[in-house]
């Protein structure tokens, strides 16, 4: 799942949701470690991906965009 936020409050919500989801998955993984279960998800971006200077120059509205991603396995 990839989410692009354009406002700091939106990014805060996404960041908190991904952290909470990752914590739940980690806890579930620890309980199922005896069963050698595969991990269900992985955070792909620990920090948000921001637009480059050339992208901002081409599209000034992109300056506040932040992209975060998580992958379900």
PDB file of N, CA and C in Angstrom:
ATOM      1  N   UNK A   1       0.857  -1.143   0.000  1.00  0.00           N
ATOM      2  CA  UNK A   1       0.000   0.000   0.000  1.00  0.00           C
ATOM      3  C   UNK A   1       0.912   1.217   0.000  1.00  0.00           C
ATOM      4  N   UNK A   2       0.576   2.170  -0.834  1.00  0.00           N
ATOM      5  CA  UNK A   2       1.323   3.415  -0.917  1.00  0.00           C
ATOM      6  C   UNK A   2       0.350   4.553  -0.662  1.00  0.00           C
ATOM      7  N   UNK A   3       0.746   5.463   0.226  1.00  0.00           N
ATOM      8  CA  UNK A   3      -0.095   6.612   0.545  1.00  0.00           C
ATOM      9  C   UNK A   3       0.731   7.873   0.347  1.00  0.00           C
ATOM     10  N   UNK A   4       0.151   8.825  -0.363  1.00  0.00           N
ATOM     11  CA  UNK A   4       0.772  10.128  -0.553  1.00  0.00           C
ATOM     12  C   UNK A   4      -0.055  11.135   0.221  1.00  0.00           C
ATOM     13  N   UNK A   5       0.608  11.852   1.124  1.00  0.00           N
ATOM     14  CA  UNK A   5      -0.088  12.878   1.903  1.00  0.00           C
ATOM     15  C   UNK A   5       0.436  14.246   1.482  1.00  0.00           C
ATOM     16  N   UNK A   6      -0.426  15.250   1.573  1.00  0.00           N
ATOM     17  CA  UNK A   6      -0.068  16.592   1.143  1.00  0.00           C
ATOM     18  C   UNK A   6      -0.096  17.595   2.291  1.00  0.00           C
ATOM     19  N   UNK A   7      -0.378  17.128   3.485  1.00  0.00           N
ATOM     20  CA  UNK A   7      -0.462  18.013   4.638  1.00  0.00           C
ATOM     21  C   UNK A   7       0.182  17.304   5.817  1.00  0.00           C
ATOM     22  N   UNK A   8       0.814  18.064   6.708  1.00  0.00           N
ATOM     23  CA  UNK A   8       1.534  17.442   7.820  1.00  0.00           C
ATOM     24  C   UNK A   8       0.617  16.645   8.744  1.00  0.00           C
ATOM     25  N   UNK A   9      -0.619  17.099   8.922  1.00  0.00           N
ATOM     26  CA  UNK A   9      -1.543  16.341   9.773  1.00  0.00           C
ATOM     27  C   UNK A   9      -1.935  15.017   9.128  1.00  0.00           C
ATOM     28  N   UNK A  10      -2.097  15.029   7.801  1.00  0.00           N
ATOM     29  CA  UNK A  10      -2.387  13.779   7.091  1.00  0.00           C
ATOM     30  C   UNK A  10      -1.214  12.818   7.243  1.00  0.00           C
ATOM     31  N   UNK A  11       0.012  13.345   7.096  1.00  0.00           N
ATOM     32  CA  UNK A  11       1.197  12.499   7.199  1.00  0.00           C
ATOM     33  C   UNK A  11       1.325  11.915   8.596  1.00  0.00           C
ATOM     34  N   UNK A  12       0.981  12.691   9.598  1.00  0.00           N
ATOM     35  CA  UNK A  12       1.044  12.200  10.977  1.00  0.00           C
ATOM     36  C   UNK A  12       0.092  11.017  11.169  1.00  0.00           C
ATOM     37  N   UNK A  13      -1.101  11.093  10.608  1.00  0.00           N
ATOM     38  CA  UNK A  13      -2.080  10.009  10.717  1.00  0.00           C
ATOM     39  C   UNK A  13      -1.561   8.755  10.022  1.00  0.00           C
ATOM     40  N   UNK A  14      -1.024   8.920   8.817  1.00  0.00           N
ATOM     41  CA  UNK A  14      -0.492   7.785   8.059  1.00  0.00           C
ATOM     42  C   UNK A  14       0.674   7.149   8.805  1.00  0.00           C
ATOM     43  N   UNK A  15       1.579   7.981   9.310  1.00  0.00           N
ATOM     44  CA  UNK A  15       2.744   7.491  10.045  1.00  0.00           C
ATOM     45  C   UNK A  15       2.321   6.697  11.276  1.00  0.00           C
ATOM     46  N   UNK A  16       1.369   7.225  12.019  1.00  0.00           N
ATOM     47  CA  UNK A  16       0.890   6.538  13.224  1.00  0.00           C
ATOM     48  C   UNK A  16       0.203   5.220  12.868  1.00  0.00           C
ATOM     49  N   UNK A  17      -0.585   5.225  11.812  1.00  0.00           N
ATOM     50  CA  UNK A  17      -1.283   4.007  11.398  1.00  0.00           C
ATOM     51  C   UNK A  17      -0.292   2.937  10.961  1.00  0.00           C
ATOM     52  N   UNK A  18       0.725   3.317  10.192  1.00  0.00           N
ATOM     53  CA  UNK A  18       1.725   2.340   9.752  1.00  0.00           C
ATOM     54  C   UNK A  18       2.502   1.795  10.939  1.00  0.00           C
ATOM     55  N   UNK A  19       2.868   2.657  11.894  1.00  0.00           N
ATOM     56  CA  UNK A  19       3.590   2.189  13.073  1.00  0.00           C
ATOM     57  C   UNK A  19       2.740   1.240  13.903  1.00  0.00           C
ATOM     58  N   UNK A  20       1.473   1.586  14.080  1.00  0.00           N
ATOM     59  CA  UNK A  20       0.574   0.737  14.855  1.00  0.00           C
ATOM     60  C   UNK A  20       0.402  -0.606  14.170  1.00  0.00           C
ATOM     61  N   UNK A  21       0.204  -0.583  12.855  1.00  0.00           N
ATOM     62  CA  UNK A  21       0.022  -1.810  12.093  1.00  0.00           C
ATOM     63  C   UNK A  21       1.288  -2.660  12.152  1.00  0.00           C
ATOM     64  N   UNK A  22       2.441  -2.026  12.029  1.00  0.00           N
ATOM     65  CA  UNK A  22       3.703  -2.752  12.084  1.00  0.00           C
ATOM     66  C   UNK A  22       3.906  -3.363  13.465  1.00  0.00           C
ATOM     67  N   UNK A  23       3.521  -2.648  14.524  1.00  0.00           N
ATOM     68  CA  UNK A  23       3.637  -3.185  15.883  1.00  0.00           C
ATOM     69  C   UNK A  23       2.723  -4.386  16.069  1.00  0.00           C
ATOM     70  N   UNK A  24       1.518  -4.311  15.538  1.00  0.00           N
ATOM     71  CA  UNK A  24       0.591  -5.440  15.635  1.00  0.00           C
ATOM     72  C   UNK A  24       1.125  -6.642  14.884  1.00  0.00           C
ATOM     73  N   UNK A  25       1.678  -6.410  13.713  1.00  0.00           N
ATOM     74  CA  UNK A  25       2.230  -7.505  12.920  1.00  0.00           C
ATOM     75  C   UNK A  25       3.440  -8.096  13.633  1.00  0.00           C
ATOM     76  N   UNK A  26       4.287  -7.235  14.233  1.00  0.00           N
ATOM     77  CA  UNK A  26       5.464  -7.731  14.955  1.00  0.00           C
ATOM     78  C   UNK A  26       5.055  -8.577  16.150  1.00  0.00           C
ATOM     79  N   UNK A  27       4.042  -8.127  16.879  1.00  0.00           N
ATOM     80  CA  UNK A  27       3.569  -8.893  18.031  1.00  0.00           C
ATOM     81  C   UNK A  27       3.012 -10.244  17.587  1.00  0.00           C
ATOM     82  N   UNK A  28       2.268 -10.240  16.494  1.00  0.00           N
ATOM     83  CA  UNK A  28       1.704 -11.488  15.974  1.00  0.00           C
ATOM     84  C   UNK A  28       2.827 -12.409  15.518  1.00  0.00           C
ATOM     85  N   UNK A  29       3.871 -11.832  14.912  1.00  0.00           N
ATOM     86  CA  UNK A  29       5.008 -12.610  14.452  1.00  0.00           C
ATOM     87  C   UNK A  29       5.717 -13.288  15.617  1.00  0.00           C
ATOM     88  N   UNK A  30       5.869 -12.560  16.724  1.00  0.00           N
ATOM     89  CA  UNK A  30       6.532 -13.126  17.898  1.00  0.00           C
ATOM     90  C   UNK A  30       5.735 -14.293  18.469  1.00  0.00           C
ATOM     91  N   UNK A  31       4.404 -14.152  18.485  1.00  0.00           N
ATOM     92  CA  UNK A  31       3.577 -15.250  19.007  1.00  0.00           C
ATOM     93  C   UNK A  31       3.633 -16.467  18.106  1.00  0.00           C
ATOM     94  N   UNK A  32       3.771 -16.236  16.808  1.00  0.00           N
ATOM     95  CA  UNK A  32       3.772 -17.348  15.866  1.00  0.00           C
ATOM     96  C   UNK A  32       5.176 -17.806  15.495  1.00  0.00           C
ATOM     97  N   UNK A  33       6.188 -17.301  16.192  1.00  0.00           N
ATOM     98  CA  UNK A  33       7.572 -17.645  15.860  1.00  0.00           C
ATOM     99  C   UNK A  33       7.809 -19.154  15.961  1.00  0.00           C
ATOM    100  N   UNK A  34       7.142 -19.793  16.882  1.00  0.00           N
ATOM    101  CA  UNK A  34       7.308 -21.234  17.029  1.00  0.00           C
ATOM    102  C   UNK A  34       6.794 -21.983  15.800  1.00  0.00           C
ATOM    103  N   UNK A  35       5.832 -21.377  15.118  1.00  0.00           N
ATOM    104  CA  UNK A  35       5.272 -22.011  13.923  1.00  0.00           C
ATOM    105  C   UNK A  35       6.063 -21.665  12.667  1.00  0.00           C
ATOM    106  N   UNK A  36       7.108 -20.820  12.802  1.00  0.00           N
ATOM    107  CA  UNK A  36       7.934 -20.377  11.674  1.00  0.00           C
ATOM    108  C   UNK A  36       7.075 -19.726  10.590  1.00  0.00           C
ATOM    109  N   UNK A  37       6.186 -18.870  11.010  1.00  0.00           N
ATOM    110  CA  UNK A  37       5.307 -18.187  10.062  1.00  0.00           C
ATOM    111  C   UNK A  37       6.063 -17.102   9.320  1.00  0.00           C
ATOM    112  N   UNK A  38       5.686 -16.896   8.092  1.00  0.00           N
ATOM    113  CA  UNK A  38       6.266 -15.822   7.286  1.00  0.00           C
ATOM    114  C   UNK A  38       5.745 -14.482   7.786  1.00  0.00           C
ATOM    115  N   UNK A  39       6.546 -13.416   7.724  1.00  0.00           N
ATOM    116  CA  UNK A  39       6.051 -12.094   8.111  1.00  0.00           C
ATOM    117  C   UNK A  39       4.935 -11.645   7.164  1.00  0.00           C
ATOM    118  N   UNK A  40       3.948 -10.960   7.720  1.00  0.00           N
ATOM    119  CA  UNK A  40       2.795 -10.552   6.923  1.00  0.00           C
ATOM    120  C   UNK A  40       2.997  -9.232   6.204  1.00  0.00           C
ATOM    121  N   UNK A  41       3.801  -8.341   6.791  1.00  0.00           N
ATOM    122  CA  UNK A  41       4.021  -7.051   6.145  1.00  0.00           C
ATOM    123  C   UNK A  41       5.380  -6.507   6.519  1.00  0.00           C
ATOM    124  N   UNK A  42       5.803  -5.513   5.749  1.00  0.00           N
ATOM    125  CA  UNK A  42       7.095  -4.888   5.987  1.00  0.00           C
ATOM    126  C   UNK A  42       7.003  -3.424   5.574  1.00  0.00           C
ATOM    127  N   UNK A  43       7.508  -2.544   6.439  1.00  0.00           N
ATOM    128  CA  UNK A  43       7.559  -1.133   6.085  1.00  0.00           C
ATOM    129  C   UNK A  43       8.624  -0.962   5.012  1.00  0.00           C
ATOM    130  N   UNK A  44       8.253  -0.362   3.901  1.00  0.00           N
ATOM    131  CA  UNK A  44       9.210  -0.146   2.829  1.00  0.00           C
ATOM    132  C   UNK A  44       9.926   1.188   2.974  1.00  0.00           C
ATOM    133  N   UNK A  45       9.283   2.139   3.650  1.00  0.00           N
ATOM    134  CA  UNK A  45       9.872   3.464   3.827  1.00  0.00           C
ATOM    135  C   UNK A  45       9.834   3.828   5.299  1.00  0.00           C
ATOM    136  N   UNK A  46      10.982   3.864   5.939  1.00  0.00           N
ATOM    137  CA  UNK A  46      11.021   4.295   7.338  1.00  0.00           C
ATOM    138  C   UNK A  46      10.842   5.798   7.421  1.00  0.00           C
ATOM    139  N   UNK A  47      11.361   6.506   6.443  1.00  0.00           N
ATOM    140  CA  UNK A  47      11.169   7.947   6.344  1.00  0.00           C
ATOM    141  C   UNK A  47      10.397   8.222   5.056  1.00  0.00           C
ATOM    142  N   UNK A  48       9.630   9.298   5.011  1.00  0.00           N
ATOM    143  CA  UNK A  48       8.846   9.566   3.804  1.00  0.00           C
ATOM    144  C   UNK A  48       9.740   9.912   2.616  1.00  0.00           C
ATOM    145  N   UNK A  49       9.275   9.553   1.441  1.00  0.00           N
ATOM    146  CA  UNK A  49       9.960   9.917   0.209  1.00  0.00           C
ATOM    147  C   UNK A  49       9.404  11.259  -0.238  1.00  0.00           C
ATOM    148  N   UNK A  50      10.307  12.214  -0.446  1.00  0.00           N
ATOM    149  CA  UNK A  50       9.921  13.568  -0.807  1.00  0.00           C
ATOM    150  C   UNK A  50      10.274  13.811  -2.282  1.00  0.00           C
ATOM    151  N   UNK A  51       9.599  14.758  -2.925  1.00  0.00           N
ATOM    152  CA  UNK A  51       9.910  15.048  -4.329  1.00  0.00           C
ATOM    153  C   UNK A  51      11.286  15.705  -4.469  1.00  0.00           C
ATOM    154  N   UNK A  52      11.908  15.466  -5.603  1.00  0.00           N
ATOM    155  CA  UNK A  52      13.218  16.058  -5.874  1.00  0.00           C
ATOM    156  C   UNK A  52      13.055  17.528  -6.254  1.00  0.00           C
ATOM    157  N   UNK A  53      14.163  18.240  -6.281  1.00  0.00           N
ATOM    158  CA  UNK A  53      14.128  19.664  -6.634  1.00  0.00           C
ATOM    159  C   UNK A  53      13.624  19.871  -8.055  1.00  0.00           C
ATOM    160  N   UNK A  54      14.005  18.987  -8.971  1.00  0.00           N
ATOM    161  CA  UNK A  54      13.548  19.128 -10.360  1.00  0.00           C
ATOM    162  C   UNK A  54      12.041  18.877 -10.469  1.00  0.00           C
ATOM    163  N   UNK A  55      11.530  17.934  -9.678  1.00  0.00           N
ATOM    164  CA  UNK A  55      10.094  17.667  -9.688  1.00  0.00           C
ATOM    165  C   UNK A  55       9.319  18.844  -9.105  1.00  0.00           C
ATOM    166  N   UNK A  56       9.844  19.448  -8.056  1.00  0.00           N
ATOM    167  CA  UNK A  56       9.193  20.625  -7.465  1.00  0.00           C
ATOM    168  C   UNK A  56       9.212  21.791  -8.447  1.00  0.00           C
ATOM    169  N   UNK A  57      10.323  21.923  -9.186  1.00  0.00           N
ATOM    170  CA  UNK A  57      10.415  22.995 -10.184  1.00  0.00           C
ATOM    171  C   UNK A  57       9.368  22.793 -11.286  1.00  0.00           C
ATOM    172  N   UNK A  58       9.180  21.553 -11.712  1.00  0.00           N
ATOM    173  CA  UNK A  58       8.204  21.247 -12.760  1.00  0.00           C
ATOM    174  C   UNK A  58       6.771  21.331 -12.240  1.00  0.00           C
ATOM    175  N   UNK A  59       6.562  21.001 -10.957  1.00  0.00           N
ATOM    176  CA  UNK A  59       5.221  20.985 -10.369  1.00  0.00           C
ATOM    177  C   UNK A  59       5.309  21.547  -8.949  1.00  0.00           C
ATOM    178  N   UNK A  60       5.130  22.849  -8.765  1.00  0.00           N
ATOM    179  CA  UNK A  60       5.276  23.457  -7.436  1.00  0.00           C
ATOM    180  C   UNK A  60       4.337  22.892  -6.378  1.00  0.00           C
ATOM    181  N   UNK A  61       3.209  22.351  -6.768  1.00  0.00           N
ATOM    182  CA  UNK A  61       2.274  21.778  -5.799  1.00  0.00           C
ATOM    183  C   UNK A  61       2.814  20.505  -5.156  1.00  0.00           C
ATOM    184  N   UNK A  62       3.822  19.914  -5.750  1.00  0.00           N
ATOM    185  CA  UNK A  62       4.389  18.669  -5.224  1.00  0.00           C
ATOM    186  C   UNK A  62       5.291  18.915  -4.019  1.00  0.00           C
ATOM    187  N   UNK A  63       5.599  20.168  -3.705  1.00  0.00           N
ATOM    188  CA  UNK A  63       6.583  20.466  -2.654  1.00  0.00           C
ATOM    189  C   UNK A  63       6.193  19.920  -1.289  1.00  0.00           C
ATOM    190  N   UNK A  64       4.920  19.783  -1.022  1.00  0.00           N
ATOM    191  CA  UNK A  64       4.499  19.303   0.299  1.00  0.00           C
ATOM    192  C   UNK A  64       4.147  17.816   0.314  1.00  0.00           C
ATOM    193  N   UNK A  65       4.297  17.134  -0.802  1.00  0.00           N
ATOM    194  CA  UNK A  65       3.927  15.716  -0.884  1.00  0.00           C
ATOM    195  C   UNK A  65       4.936  14.831  -0.149  1.00  0.00           C
ATOM    196  N   UNK A  66       4.402  13.844   0.560  1.00  0.00           N
ATOM    197  CA  UNK A  66       5.225  12.835   1.234  1.00  0.00           C
ATOM    198  C   UNK A  66       4.611  11.475   0.943  1.00  0.00           C
ATOM    199  N   UNK A  67       5.462  10.534   0.541  1.00  0.00           N
ATOM    200  CA  UNK A  67       4.978   9.211   0.205  1.00  0.00           C
ATOM    201  C   UNK A  67       5.526   8.195   1.201  1.00  0.00           C
ATOM    202  N   UNK A  68       4.647   7.350   1.694  1.00  0.00           N
ATOM    203  CA  UNK A  68       5.020   6.251   2.593  1.00  0.00           C
ATOM    204  C   UNK A  68       4.449   4.956   2.010  1.00  0.00           C
ATOM    205  N   UNK A  69       5.145   3.842   2.262  1.00  0.00           N
ATOM    206  CA  UNK A  69       4.710   2.573   1.679  1.00  0.00           C
ATOM    207  C   UNK A  69       4.920   1.424   2.657  1.00  0.00           C
ATOM    208  N   UNK A  70       4.047   0.441   2.540  1.00  0.00           N
ATOM    209  CA  UNK A  70       4.139  -0.798   3.300  1.00  0.00           C
ATOM    210  C   UNK A  70       3.770  -1.935   2.337  1.00  0.00           C
ATOM    211  N   UNK A  71       4.431  -3.081   2.498  1.00  0.00           N
ATOM    212  CA  UNK A  71       4.163  -4.217   1.616  1.00  0.00           C
ATOM    213  C   UNK A  71       3.628  -5.376   2.424  1.00  0.00           C
ATOM    214  N   UNK A  72       2.568  -5.963   1.922  1.00  0.00           N
ATOM    215  CA  UNK A  72       2.005  -7.163   2.548  1.00  0.00           C
ATOM    216  C   UNK A  72       2.577  -8.372   1.838  1.00  0.00           C
ATOM    217  N   UNK A  73       3.054  -9.301   2.594  1.00  0.00           N
ATOM    218  CA  UNK A  73       3.715 -10.458   2.019  1.00  0.00           C
ATOM    219  C   UNK A  73       2.764 -11.598   1.832  1.00  0.00           C
TER     220      UNK A  73
END
